[in-house]
Amino acid sequence: MNGSQLTGKRRAAVLVSAALVHRNKNVLKAEYYSALHANLTPAELVEIILQALLFDGYPCTLEGLILLQKLPEVNLPVEELYEEYTPQQIEKWEARGQLLCQNIYRKNFKPLLENVGTLSPTLRQWMLHEGYGRVLARPSLSIDIREMGIIAILTVKNYPRQLHSHLKGALHVGVSRQELRQAIEICAPFTTSRNITDACQTLDEIAAI
């Protein structure tokens, strides 16, 4: 992908994710169609909706899937990767979750685990097993597209601390700063101008590091 322009699947992931948490069904339906026209497959759309449960809860994901199901072009359930809860699978989630988290956070990986652990050891374990291992490390969608969706949600909901981490993570997996700025800017219809300004400022702070 051209690093200077946010296009294709990355752009679609931003708009779908922003629309998911914006909660306007007509707008979300339009973004679903735009995403399909941008060559996101129904299975990839499902992955974007599934990962939203980490950032906006099960109601967001359930309502997103219910609306997607109503599109004549989409037949749910799609042929998706199903991973059953077994001791062996949980071990795989832990291993791939740690690997992905290290890839995203780099030198901040261990401090992140320590900081979260001081808040709640349970949350620390959930973050690796459930967040990164079970959900975000699923091979059904590339991590750069996943990060674009996450950034959209964190921008719209205005979580600057988490946004800072995922903006850096997106840079680590090959997204350009210009693409990130464009991603923030196209979230404007889904949130307040203050949230957009705050998100741009967060990106500028990272660019200055």
N, C-alpha and C. Protein backbone atom coordinates (compact mmCIF):
# COMPACT_ATOMS: atom_id res chain seq x y z
N MET A 1 0.83 -1.20 0.00
CA MET A 1 0.00 0.00 0.00
C MET A 1 0.86 1.24 0.00
N ASN A 2 0.43 2.24 -0.73
CA ASN A 2 1.11 3.53 -0.73
C ASN A 2 1.05 4.14 0.66
N GLY A 3 2.21 4.41 1.24
CA GLY A 3 2.25 4.92 2.59
C GLY A 3 1.72 6.32 2.74
N SER A 4 1.50 7.05 1.65
CA SER A 4 1.08 8.44 1.76
C SER A 4 -0.43 8.61 1.77
N GLN A 5 -1.17 7.59 1.39
CA GLN A 5 -2.62 7.70 1.30
C GLN A 5 -3.30 6.53 2.00
N LEU A 6 -4.33 6.85 2.77
CA LEU A 6 -5.13 5.83 3.43
C LEU A 6 -6.23 5.37 2.48
N THR A 7 -6.10 4.17 1.98
CA THR A 7 -7.06 3.66 1.00
C THR A 7 -7.40 2.21 1.30
N GLY A 8 -8.29 1.67 0.49
CA GLY A 8 -8.58 0.25 0.51
C GLY A 8 -9.06 -0.28 1.85
N LYS A 9 -8.55 -1.44 2.21
CA LYS A 9 -9.03 -2.14 3.39
C LYS A 9 -8.72 -1.39 4.68
N ARG A 10 -7.59 -0.72 4.74
CA ARG A 10 -7.26 0.03 5.96
C ARG A 10 -8.28 1.15 6.18
N ARG A 11 -8.60 1.87 5.13
CA ARG A 11 -9.59 2.95 5.24
C ARG A 11 -10.96 2.38 5.62
N ALA A 12 -11.33 1.29 4.99
CA ALA A 12 -12.62 0.67 5.27
C ALA A 12 -12.71 0.23 6.73
N ALA A 13 -11.62 -0.31 7.26
CA ALA A 13 -11.61 -0.75 8.66
C ALA A 13 -11.83 0.42 9.61
N VAL A 14 -11.25 1.56 9.28
CA VAL A 14 -11.45 2.77 10.09
C VAL A 14 -12.91 3.17 10.10
N LEU A 15 -13.50 3.27 8.92
CA LEU A 15 -14.87 3.78 8.82
C LEU A 15 -15.89 2.82 9.41
N VAL A 16 -15.71 1.53 9.17
CA VAL A 16 -16.63 0.55 9.76
C VAL A 16 -16.54 0.59 11.28
N SER A 17 -15.33 0.62 11.81
CA SER A 17 -15.15 0.60 13.27
C SER A 17 -15.70 1.86 13.92
N ALA A 18 -15.45 3.01 13.28
CA ALA A 18 -15.99 4.26 13.82
C ALA A 18 -17.52 4.24 13.81
N ALA A 19 -18.09 3.72 12.73
CA ALA A 19 -19.55 3.65 12.62
C ALA A 19 -20.13 2.66 13.63
N LEU A 20 -19.41 1.59 13.92
CA LEU A 20 -19.89 0.62 14.91
C LEU A 20 -20.15 1.27 16.26
N VAL A 21 -19.23 2.10 16.72
CA VAL A 21 -19.38 2.71 18.04
C VAL A 21 -20.19 4.00 17.99
N HIS A 22 -20.43 4.51 16.79
CA HIS A 22 -21.26 5.71 16.61
C HIS A 22 -22.74 5.38 16.79
N ARG A 23 -23.11 4.16 16.46
CA ARG A 23 -24.45 3.62 16.70
C ARG A 23 -25.55 4.29 15.89
N ASN A 24 -25.28 4.51 14.62
CA ASN A 24 -26.33 4.93 13.68
C ASN A 24 -26.43 3.82 12.64
N LYS A 25 -27.53 3.09 12.66
CA LYS A 25 -27.64 1.89 11.83
C LYS A 25 -27.57 2.21 10.34
N ASN A 26 -28.15 3.31 9.92
CA ASN A 26 -28.12 3.66 8.50
C ASN A 26 -26.70 3.97 8.05
N VAL A 27 -25.98 4.69 8.89
CA VAL A 27 -24.58 5.02 8.57
C VAL A 27 -23.74 3.75 8.55
N LEU A 28 -23.93 2.90 9.54
CA LEU A 28 -23.15 1.66 9.60
C LEU A 28 -23.43 0.77 8.40
N LYS A 29 -24.68 0.68 8.01
CA LYS A 29 -25.04 -0.11 6.83
C LYS A 29 -24.33 0.41 5.59
N ALA A 30 -24.29 1.73 5.44
CA ALA A 30 -23.61 2.33 4.29
C ALA A 30 -22.12 2.02 4.32
N GLU A 31 -21.52 2.03 5.51
CA GLU A 31 -20.10 1.72 5.62
C GLU A 31 -19.82 0.25 5.34
N TYR A 32 -20.75 -0.62 5.69
CA TYR A 32 -20.60 -2.03 5.32
C TYR A 32 -20.52 -2.18 3.80
N TYR A 33 -21.42 -1.52 3.10
CA TYR A 33 -21.41 -1.62 1.64
C TYR A 33 -20.12 -1.03 1.06
N SER A 34 -19.69 0.11 1.61
CA SER A 34 -18.44 0.72 1.14
C SER A 34 -17.26 -0.22 1.37
N ALA A 35 -17.27 -0.89 2.51
CA ALA A 35 -16.18 -1.82 2.83
C ALA A 35 -16.16 -3.00 1.86
N LEU A 36 -17.32 -3.52 1.53
CA LEU A 36 -17.39 -4.61 0.56
C LEU A 36 -16.89 -4.16 -0.81
N HIS A 37 -17.21 -2.92 -1.18
CA HIS A 37 -16.72 -2.37 -2.45
C HIS A 37 -15.22 -2.12 -2.41
N ALA A 38 -14.67 -1.94 -1.19
CA ALA A 38 -13.22 -1.77 -1.03
C ALA A 38 -12.50 -3.11 -0.93
N ASN A 39 -13.24 -4.19 -1.24
CA ASN A 39 -12.68 -5.55 -1.30
C ASN A 39 -12.44 -6.19 0.06
N LEU A 40 -13.05 -5.65 1.12
CA LEU A 40 -13.09 -6.41 2.36
C LEU A 40 -14.09 -7.54 2.17
N THR A 41 -13.70 -8.74 2.49
CA THR A 41 -14.62 -9.87 2.36
C THR A 41 -15.60 -9.87 3.54
N PRO A 42 -16.74 -10.54 3.40
CA PRO A 42 -17.64 -10.66 4.55
C PRO A 42 -16.94 -11.25 5.78
N ALA A 43 -16.04 -12.21 5.57
CA ALA A 43 -15.32 -12.79 6.70
C ALA A 43 -14.42 -11.76 7.38
N GLU A 44 -13.79 -10.89 6.61
CA GLU A 44 -12.95 -9.84 7.19
C GLU A 44 -13.81 -8.81 7.93
N LEU A 45 -14.97 -8.51 7.39
CA LEU A 45 -15.90 -7.62 8.09
C LEU A 45 -16.30 -8.21 9.44
N VAL A 46 -16.58 -9.49 9.44
CA VAL A 46 -16.93 -10.16 10.70
C VAL A 46 -15.80 -10.03 11.71
N GLU A 47 -14.56 -10.18 11.27
CA GLU A 47 -13.41 -10.06 12.18
C GLU A 47 -13.33 -8.66 12.77
N ILE A 48 -13.58 -7.64 11.97
CA ILE A 48 -13.56 -6.26 12.47
C ILE A 48 -14.64 -6.06 13.52
N ILE A 49 -15.80 -6.64 13.27
CA ILE A 49 -16.90 -6.53 14.23
C ILE A 49 -16.60 -7.32 15.50
N LEU A 50 -16.03 -8.52 15.35
CA LEU A 50 -15.70 -9.35 16.51
C LEU A 50 -14.71 -8.64 17.44
N GLN A 51 -13.69 -8.01 16.87
CA GLN A 51 -12.68 -7.39 17.73
C GLN A 51 -13.21 -6.17 18.47
N ALA A 52 -14.32 -5.60 17.99
CA ALA A 52 -14.90 -4.45 18.66
C ALA A 52 -15.37 -4.79 20.07
N LEU A 53 -15.60 -6.07 20.35
CA LEU A 53 -16.05 -6.45 21.70
C LEU A 53 -15.01 -6.11 22.75
N LEU A 54 -13.73 -6.05 22.36
CA LEU A 54 -12.67 -5.70 23.30
C LEU A 54 -12.71 -4.23 23.69
N PHE A 55 -13.28 -3.39 22.83
CA PHE A 55 -13.19 -1.95 23.02
C PHE A 55 -14.55 -1.28 23.24
N ASP A 56 -15.64 -1.99 22.91
CA ASP A 56 -16.97 -1.42 23.12
C ASP A 56 -17.99 -2.45 23.59
N GLY A 57 -17.53 -3.65 23.91
CA GLY A 57 -18.39 -4.63 24.54
C GLY A 57 -19.17 -5.54 23.60
N TYR A 58 -19.76 -6.56 24.19
CA TYR A 58 -20.54 -7.52 23.43
C TYR A 58 -21.76 -6.91 22.75
N PRO A 59 -22.48 -5.96 23.37
CA PRO A 59 -23.63 -5.37 22.67
C PRO A 59 -23.25 -4.76 21.33
N CYS A 60 -22.11 -4.08 21.28
CA CYS A 60 -21.65 -3.49 20.02
C CYS A 60 -21.44 -4.56 18.97
N THR A 61 -20.75 -5.64 19.35
CA THR A 61 -20.47 -6.71 18.41
C THR A 61 -21.74 -7.43 17.97
N LEU A 62 -22.62 -7.72 18.91
CA LEU A 62 -23.87 -8.40 18.57
C LEU A 62 -24.73 -7.58 17.62
N GLU A 63 -24.90 -6.29 17.93
CA GLU A 63 -25.72 -5.43 17.08
C GLU A 63 -25.08 -5.25 15.71
N GLY A 64 -23.74 -5.18 15.69
CA GLY A 64 -23.04 -5.06 14.41
C GLY A 64 -23.24 -6.27 13.52
N LEU A 65 -23.20 -7.45 14.12
CA LEU A 65 -23.41 -8.68 13.35
C LEU A 65 -24.87 -8.83 12.91
N ILE A 66 -25.80 -8.43 13.77
CA ILE A 66 -27.22 -8.51 13.41
C ILE A 66 -27.51 -7.64 12.20
N LEU A 67 -26.93 -6.43 12.17
CA LEU A 67 -27.14 -5.56 11.02
C LEU A 67 -26.47 -6.12 9.77
N LEU A 68 -25.27 -6.66 9.92
CA LEU A 68 -24.56 -7.24 8.78
C LEU A 68 -25.37 -8.39 8.19
N GLN A 69 -26.01 -9.16 9.05
CA GLN A 69 -26.80 -10.30 8.61
C GLN A 69 -27.95 -9.88 7.69
N LYS A 70 -28.40 -8.64 7.82
CA LYS A 70 -29.54 -8.17 7.03
C LYS A 70 -29.15 -7.76 5.60
N LEU A 71 -27.85 -7.69 5.33
CA LEU A 71 -27.42 -7.35 3.97
C LEU A 71 -27.63 -8.55 3.05
N PRO A 72 -28.32 -8.36 1.92
CA PRO A 72 -28.55 -9.49 1.01
C PRO A 72 -27.26 -10.12 0.50
N GLU A 73 -26.19 -9.31 0.44
CA GLU A 73 -24.93 -9.80 -0.11
C GLU A 73 -24.14 -10.66 0.88
N VAL A 74 -24.58 -10.70 2.13
CA VAL A 74 -23.83 -11.40 3.18
C VAL A 74 -24.68 -12.51 3.79
N ASN A 75 -24.12 -13.69 3.84
CA ASN A 75 -24.78 -14.83 4.47
C ASN A 75 -24.02 -15.21 5.74
N LEU A 76 -24.66 -14.99 6.88
CA LEU A 76 -24.04 -15.37 8.15
C LEU A 76 -24.63 -16.69 8.64
N PRO A 77 -23.82 -17.52 9.31
CA PRO A 77 -22.42 -17.24 9.63
C PRO A 77 -21.52 -17.46 8.42
N VAL A 78 -20.49 -16.62 8.31
CA VAL A 78 -19.51 -16.82 7.25
C VAL A 78 -18.62 -18.00 7.64
N GLU A 79 -17.83 -18.44 6.71
CA GLU A 79 -16.87 -19.50 7.02
C GLU A 79 -15.70 -18.86 7.76
N GLU A 80 -15.79 -18.86 9.08
CA GLU A 80 -14.80 -18.18 9.90
C GLU A 80 -13.95 -19.18 10.67
N LEU A 81 -12.84 -18.69 11.18
CA LEU A 81 -11.97 -19.51 12.02
C LEU A 81 -12.64 -19.70 13.38
N TYR A 82 -12.95 -20.94 13.72
CA TYR A 82 -13.54 -21.23 15.03
C TYR A 82 -12.51 -21.96 15.87
N GLU A 83 -12.24 -21.40 17.04
CA GLU A 83 -11.24 -21.99 17.93
C GLU A 83 -11.90 -22.35 19.26
N GLU A 84 -11.99 -23.63 19.51
CA GLU A 84 -12.68 -24.13 20.70
C GLU A 84 -11.81 -23.95 21.94
N TYR A 85 -12.46 -23.71 23.07
CA TYR A 85 -11.75 -23.62 24.33
C TYR A 85 -11.28 -25.01 24.75
N THR A 86 -9.99 -25.26 24.60
CA THR A 86 -9.36 -26.49 25.08
C THR A 86 -8.05 -26.10 25.74
N PRO A 87 -7.50 -26.95 26.61
CA PRO A 87 -6.20 -26.62 27.22
C PRO A 87 -5.12 -26.34 26.18
N GLN A 88 -5.12 -27.10 25.10
CA GLN A 88 -4.12 -26.90 24.05
C GLN A 88 -4.31 -25.55 23.36
N GLN A 89 -5.58 -25.20 23.10
CA GLN A 89 -5.85 -23.94 22.42
C GLN A 89 -5.52 -22.75 23.30
N ILE A 90 -5.80 -22.88 24.58
CA ILE A 90 -5.47 -21.79 25.51
C ILE A 90 -3.97 -21.56 25.55
N GLU A 91 -3.19 -22.63 25.49
CA GLU A 91 -1.73 -22.48 25.43
C GLU A 91 -1.31 -21.75 24.16
N LYS A 92 -1.97 -22.06 23.04
CA LYS A 92 -1.68 -21.37 21.78
C LYS A 92 -2.02 -19.89 21.88
N TRP A 93 -3.17 -19.59 22.49
CA TRP A 93 -3.56 -18.19 22.65
C TRP A 93 -2.52 -17.42 23.46
N GLU A 94 -2.04 -18.05 24.52
CA GLU A 94 -1.05 -17.39 25.36
C GLU A 94 0.22 -17.12 24.57
N ALA A 95 0.69 -18.11 23.81
CA ALA A 95 1.93 -17.96 23.06
C ALA A 95 1.80 -16.90 21.97
N ARG A 96 0.74 -16.98 21.17
CA ARG A 96 0.61 -16.02 20.07
C ARG A 96 0.22 -14.64 20.58
N GLY A 97 -0.48 -14.58 21.72
CA GLY A 97 -0.81 -13.28 22.31
C GLY A 97 0.43 -12.56 22.79
N GLN A 98 1.33 -13.29 23.42
CA GLN A 98 2.58 -12.69 23.88
C GLN A 98 3.42 -12.24 22.70
N LEU A 99 3.48 -13.05 21.65
CA LEU A 99 4.26 -12.70 20.47
C LEU A 99 3.73 -11.43 19.81
N LEU A 100 2.41 -11.35 19.65
CA LEU A 100 1.81 -10.18 19.01
C LEU A 100 1.99 -8.94 19.87
N CYS A 101 1.77 -9.08 21.16
CA CYS A 101 1.91 -7.95 22.07
C CYS A 101 3.35 -7.42 22.05
N GLN A 102 4.32 -8.32 22.01
CA GLN A 102 5.72 -7.90 21.92
C GLN A 102 5.99 -7.17 20.61
N ASN A 103 5.40 -7.65 19.52
CA ASN A 103 5.60 -7.03 18.22
C ASN A 103 5.03 -5.63 18.18
N ILE A 104 3.92 -5.42 18.86
CA ILE A 104 3.27 -4.12 18.85
C ILE A 104 3.94 -3.14 19.81
N TYR A 105 4.27 -3.60 21.01
CA TYR A 105 4.76 -2.69 22.04
C TYR A 105 6.28 -2.60 22.11
N ARG A 106 6.97 -3.58 21.52
CA ARG A 106 8.44 -3.58 21.48
C ARG A 106 9.03 -3.40 22.89
N LYS A 107 9.84 -2.36 23.07
CA LYS A 107 10.54 -2.17 24.34
C LYS A 107 9.59 -1.84 25.49
N ASN A 108 8.37 -1.46 25.17
CA ASN A 108 7.40 -1.13 26.21
C ASN A 108 6.58 -2.34 26.65
N PHE A 109 6.89 -3.51 26.09
CA PHE A 109 6.09 -4.70 26.39
C PHE A 109 6.15 -5.07 27.88
N LYS A 110 7.35 -5.21 28.41
CA LYS A 110 7.47 -5.61 29.82
C LYS A 110 6.93 -4.53 30.76
N PRO A 111 7.25 -3.24 30.53
CA PRO A 111 6.63 -2.22 31.39
C PRO A 111 5.11 -2.23 31.33
N LEU A 112 4.56 -2.52 30.14
CA LEU A 112 3.10 -2.60 30.01
C LEU A 112 2.54 -3.69 30.91
N LEU A 113 3.14 -4.88 30.85
CA LEU A 113 2.65 -5.98 31.67
C LEU A 113 2.78 -5.66 33.16
N GLU A 114 3.88 -5.02 33.52
CA GLU A 114 4.07 -4.66 34.93
C GLU A 114 3.04 -3.64 35.38
N ASN A 115 2.79 -2.65 34.54
CA ASN A 115 1.83 -1.60 34.90
C ASN A 115 0.42 -2.16 35.03
N VAL A 116 0.02 -2.99 34.07
CA VAL A 116 -1.32 -3.58 34.13
C VAL A 116 -1.41 -4.53 35.32
N GLY A 117 -0.33 -5.25 35.58
CA GLY A 117 -0.32 -6.18 36.70
C GLY A 117 -0.48 -5.50 38.04
N THR A 118 0.05 -4.28 38.17
CA THR A 118 -0.13 -3.54 39.42
C THR A 118 -1.57 -3.10 39.61
N LEU A 119 -2.30 -2.95 38.52
CA LEU A 119 -3.73 -2.62 38.61
C LEU A 119 -4.56 -3.85 38.92
N SER A 120 -4.26 -4.94 38.19
CA SER A 120 -5.01 -6.19 38.37
C SER A 120 -4.27 -7.33 37.68
N PRO A 121 -3.76 -8.30 38.43
CA PRO A 121 -3.13 -9.47 37.80
C PRO A 121 -4.09 -10.21 36.88
N THR A 122 -5.37 -10.21 37.23
CA THR A 122 -6.36 -10.86 36.37
C THR A 122 -6.45 -10.16 35.03
N LEU A 123 -6.49 -8.83 35.05
CA LEU A 123 -6.56 -8.08 33.79
C LEU A 123 -5.32 -8.31 32.95
N ARG A 124 -4.17 -8.40 33.60
CA ARG A 124 -2.93 -8.67 32.87
C ARG A 124 -3.04 -9.98 32.11
N GLN A 125 -3.56 -11.01 32.77
CA GLN A 125 -3.70 -12.31 32.12
C GLN A 125 -4.73 -12.24 31.00
N TRP A 126 -5.85 -11.59 31.26
CA TRP A 126 -6.89 -11.45 30.23
C TRP A 126 -6.36 -10.72 29.01
N MET A 127 -5.56 -9.69 29.23
CA MET A 127 -5.04 -8.90 28.12
C MET A 127 -4.25 -9.77 27.16
N LEU A 128 -3.38 -10.63 27.71
CA LEU A 128 -2.56 -11.49 26.86
C LEU A 128 -3.36 -12.64 26.27
N HIS A 129 -4.11 -13.34 27.12
CA HIS A 129 -4.83 -14.53 26.66
C HIS A 129 -6.02 -14.16 25.79
N GLU A 130 -6.90 -13.32 26.35
CA GLU A 130 -8.16 -13.03 25.69
C GLU A 130 -8.02 -11.93 24.63
N GLY A 131 -7.42 -10.80 25.04
CA GLY A 131 -7.32 -9.68 24.12
C GLY A 131 -6.42 -9.95 22.93
N TYR A 132 -5.16 -10.22 23.21
CA TYR A 132 -4.20 -10.42 22.13
C TYR A 132 -4.21 -11.84 21.58
N GLY A 133 -4.25 -12.83 22.45
CA GLY A 133 -4.17 -14.21 21.98
C GLY A 133 -5.42 -14.70 21.30
N ARG A 134 -6.56 -14.58 21.99
CA ARG A 134 -7.81 -15.14 21.47
C ARG A 134 -8.40 -14.31 20.35
N VAL A 135 -8.26 -12.97 20.43
CA VAL A 135 -8.95 -12.09 19.47
C VAL A 135 -8.00 -11.48 18.44
N LEU A 136 -7.09 -10.63 18.89
CA LEU A 136 -6.31 -9.83 17.94
C LEU A 136 -5.28 -10.63 17.16
N ALA A 137 -4.85 -11.76 17.68
CA ALA A 137 -3.87 -12.58 16.96
C ALA A 137 -4.53 -13.60 16.04
N ARG A 138 -5.85 -13.57 15.93
CA ARG A 138 -6.50 -14.46 14.98
C ARG A 138 -5.95 -14.18 13.58
N PRO A 139 -5.58 -15.22 12.84
CA PRO A 139 -4.95 -15.01 11.53
C PRO A 139 -5.93 -14.62 10.42
N SER A 140 -7.20 -14.47 10.76
CA SER A 140 -8.22 -14.19 9.75
C SER A 140 -8.17 -12.76 9.21
N LEU A 141 -7.43 -11.88 9.88
CA LEU A 141 -7.32 -10.48 9.45
C LEU A 141 -5.94 -9.98 9.82
N SER A 142 -5.27 -9.28 8.91
CA SER A 142 -3.91 -8.82 9.17
C SER A 142 -3.90 -7.77 10.27
N ILE A 143 -2.80 -7.72 11.00
CA ILE A 143 -2.73 -6.86 12.18
C ILE A 143 -2.77 -5.38 11.82
N ASP A 144 -2.27 -4.99 10.65
CA ASP A 144 -2.33 -3.57 10.29
C ASP A 144 -3.78 -3.12 10.12
N ILE A 145 -4.61 -3.97 9.52
CA ILE A 145 -6.03 -3.62 9.36
C ILE A 145 -6.72 -3.62 10.72
N ARG A 146 -6.36 -4.58 11.56
CA ARG A 146 -6.93 -4.60 12.92
C ARG A 146 -6.60 -3.31 13.67
N GLU A 147 -5.34 -2.89 13.59
CA GLU A 147 -4.94 -1.68 14.30
C GLU A 147 -5.69 -0.45 13.81
N MET A 148 -5.98 -0.39 12.52
CA MET A 148 -6.72 0.77 12.01
C MET A 148 -8.13 0.81 12.61
N GLY A 149 -8.75 -0.36 12.74
CA GLY A 149 -10.06 -0.40 13.36
C GLY A 149 -10.01 0.00 14.83
N ILE A 150 -8.99 -0.46 15.54
CA ILE A 150 -8.84 -0.12 16.95
C ILE A 150 -8.63 1.37 17.12
N ILE A 151 -7.78 1.95 16.29
CA ILE A 151 -7.50 3.38 16.36
C ILE A 151 -8.77 4.20 16.15
N ALA A 152 -9.61 3.77 15.24
CA ALA A 152 -10.87 4.48 15.00
C ALA A 152 -11.74 4.47 16.25
N ILE A 153 -11.89 3.31 16.88
CA ILE A 153 -12.73 3.22 18.07
C ILE A 153 -12.17 4.09 19.20
N LEU A 154 -10.87 4.03 19.41
CA LEU A 154 -10.26 4.80 20.50
C LEU A 154 -10.32 6.29 20.23
N THR A 155 -10.29 6.69 18.96
CA THR A 155 -10.45 8.10 18.60
C THR A 155 -11.87 8.57 18.88
N VAL A 156 -12.84 7.81 18.41
CA VAL A 156 -14.25 8.19 18.58
C VAL A 156 -14.63 8.24 20.06
N LYS A 157 -14.13 7.28 20.84
CA LYS A 157 -14.48 7.20 22.26
C LYS A 157 -13.55 8.03 23.15
N ASN A 158 -12.48 8.56 22.55
CA ASN A 158 -11.54 9.44 23.23
C ASN A 158 -10.87 8.77 24.44
N TYR A 159 -10.07 7.75 24.11
CA TYR A 159 -9.21 7.11 25.11
C TYR A 159 -7.76 7.38 24.71
N PRO A 160 -7.22 8.55 25.06
CA PRO A 160 -5.90 8.95 24.56
C PRO A 160 -4.76 8.03 25.00
N ARG A 161 -4.83 7.51 26.22
CA ARG A 161 -3.74 6.65 26.69
C ARG A 161 -3.63 5.39 25.83
N GLN A 162 -4.78 4.74 25.60
CA GLN A 162 -4.78 3.54 24.76
C GLN A 162 -4.51 3.88 23.30
N LEU A 163 -5.02 5.04 22.86
CA LEU A 163 -4.77 5.46 21.48
C LEU A 163 -3.28 5.64 21.23
N HIS A 164 -2.60 6.24 22.17
CA HIS A 164 -1.15 6.44 22.05
C HIS A 164 -0.45 5.10 21.80
N SER A 165 -0.82 4.09 22.58
CA SER A 165 -0.19 2.78 22.44
C SER A 165 -0.47 2.16 21.08
N HIS A 166 -1.72 2.27 20.62
CA HIS A 166 -2.07 1.61 19.36
C HIS A 166 -1.61 2.40 18.14
N LEU A 167 -1.44 3.70 18.26
CA LEU A 167 -0.82 4.46 17.17
C LEU A 167 0.63 4.01 16.99
N LYS A 168 1.34 3.86 18.10
CA LYS A 168 2.71 3.36 18.01
C LYS A 168 2.74 1.94 17.47
N GLY A 169 1.78 1.14 17.90
CA GLY A 169 1.70 -0.22 17.39
C GLY A 169 1.48 -0.26 15.90
N ALA A 170 0.61 0.62 15.40
CA ALA A 170 0.36 0.68 13.95
C ALA A 170 1.62 1.05 13.19
N LEU A 171 2.38 1.98 13.73
CA LEU A 171 3.66 2.34 13.10
C LEU A 171 4.59 1.14 13.06
N HIS A 172 4.58 0.35 14.12
CA HIS A 172 5.46 -0.82 14.20
C HIS A 172 5.09 -1.90 13.19
N VAL A 173 3.82 -1.92 12.75
CA VAL A 173 3.41 -2.96 11.79
C VAL A 173 3.25 -2.40 10.38
N GLY A 174 3.84 -1.22 10.13
CA GLY A 174 3.95 -0.75 8.75
C GLY A 174 3.01 0.33 8.29
N VAL A 175 2.20 0.88 9.18
CA VAL A 175 1.30 1.97 8.80
C VAL A 175 2.07 3.29 8.90
N SER A 176 1.89 4.18 7.93
CA SER A 176 2.62 5.44 7.95
C SER A 176 1.92 6.48 8.83
N ARG A 177 2.68 7.50 9.26
CA ARG A 177 2.09 8.58 10.06
C ARG A 177 1.01 9.32 9.29
N GLN A 178 1.21 9.50 7.99
CA GLN A 178 0.20 10.20 7.20
C GLN A 178 -1.10 9.39 7.14
N GLU A 179 -0.99 8.09 7.01
CA GLU A 179 -2.19 7.24 7.04
C GLU A 179 -2.89 7.35 8.39
N LEU A 180 -2.12 7.40 9.46
CA LEU A 180 -2.72 7.52 10.79
C LEU A 180 -3.44 8.85 10.95
N ARG A 181 -2.84 9.92 10.45
CA ARG A 181 -3.50 11.22 10.54
C ARG A 181 -4.80 11.22 9.73
N GLN A 182 -4.75 10.64 8.55
CA GLN A 182 -5.96 10.56 7.74
C GLN A 182 -7.02 9.69 8.42
N ALA A 183 -6.59 8.63 9.08
CA ALA A 183 -7.53 7.77 9.80
C ALA A 183 -8.25 8.56 10.90
N ILE A 184 -7.50 9.35 11.62
CA ILE A 184 -8.11 10.18 12.67
C ILE A 184 -9.07 11.19 12.05
N GLU A 185 -8.65 11.82 10.98
CA GLU A 185 -9.46 12.88 10.37
C GLU A 185 -10.78 12.36 9.82
N ILE A 186 -10.79 11.15 9.25
CA ILE A 186 -12.04 10.65 8.67
C ILE A 186 -12.99 10.11 9.75
N CYS A 187 -12.54 10.12 11.00
CA CYS A 187 -13.45 9.80 12.10
C CYS A 187 -14.29 11.00 12.53
N ALA A 188 -14.03 12.16 11.94
CA ALA A 188 -14.71 13.39 12.36
C ALA A 188 -16.24 13.30 12.36
N PRO A 189 -16.87 12.67 11.35
CA PRO A 189 -18.34 12.60 11.38
C PRO A 189 -18.91 11.76 12.52
N PHE A 190 -18.05 11.00 13.19
CA PHE A 190 -18.53 10.05 14.19
C PHE A 190 -18.28 10.49 15.63
N THR A 191 -17.65 11.65 15.82
CA THR A 191 -17.30 12.07 17.17
C THR A 191 -17.20 13.59 17.22
N THR A 192 -16.75 14.13 18.35
CA THR A 192 -16.66 15.58 18.49
C THR A 192 -15.36 16.11 17.90
N SER A 193 -15.35 17.38 17.58
CA SER A 193 -14.14 18.00 17.05
C SER A 193 -13.03 17.98 18.10
N ARG A 194 -13.40 18.07 19.36
CA ARG A 194 -12.41 18.02 20.44
C ARG A 194 -11.70 16.67 20.46
N ASN A 195 -12.44 15.61 20.26
CA ASN A 195 -11.82 14.28 20.25
C ASN A 195 -10.86 14.12 19.08
N ILE A 196 -11.22 14.69 17.94
CA ILE A 196 -10.32 14.64 16.78
C ILE A 196 -9.05 15.43 17.06
N THR A 197 -9.21 16.61 17.64
CA THR A 197 -8.05 17.44 17.99
C THR A 197 -7.15 16.71 18.98
N ASP A 198 -7.75 16.10 19.99
CA ASP A 198 -6.97 15.36 20.98
C ASP A 198 -6.21 14.20 20.34
N ALA A 199 -6.87 13.49 19.42
CA ALA A 199 -6.22 12.35 18.77
C ALA A 199 -5.06 12.81 17.89
N CYS A 200 -5.24 13.91 17.17
CA CYS A 200 -4.15 14.45 16.35
C CYS A 200 -2.98 14.88 17.22
N GLN A 201 -3.29 15.46 18.36
CA GLN A 201 -2.23 15.86 19.29
C GLN A 201 -1.47 14.64 19.81
N THR A 202 -2.20 13.58 20.09
CA THR A 202 -1.56 12.34 20.53
C THR A 202 -0.60 11.81 19.47
N LEU A 203 -1.04 11.85 18.22
CA LEU A 203 -0.18 11.41 17.12
C LEU A 203 1.05 12.31 17.00
N ASP A 204 0.87 13.62 17.14
CA ASP A 204 2.00 14.54 17.05
C ASP A 204 3.02 14.28 18.14
N GLU A 205 2.56 13.91 19.32
CA GLU A 205 3.47 13.60 20.42
C GLU A 205 4.32 12.38 20.08
N ILE A 206 3.72 11.42 19.42
CA ILE A 206 4.46 10.22 19.01
C ILE A 206 5.47 10.57 17.93
N ALA A 207 5.07 11.40 16.99
CA ALA A 207 5.96 11.79 15.89
C ALA A 207 7.17 12.54 16.40
N ALA A 208 7.02 13.18 17.57
CA ALA A 208 8.10 13.98 18.11
C ALA A 208 9.08 13.16 18.94
N ILE A 209 8.73 11.89 19.22
CA ILE A 209 9.60 11.05 20.06
C ILE A 209 10.89 10.69 19.32
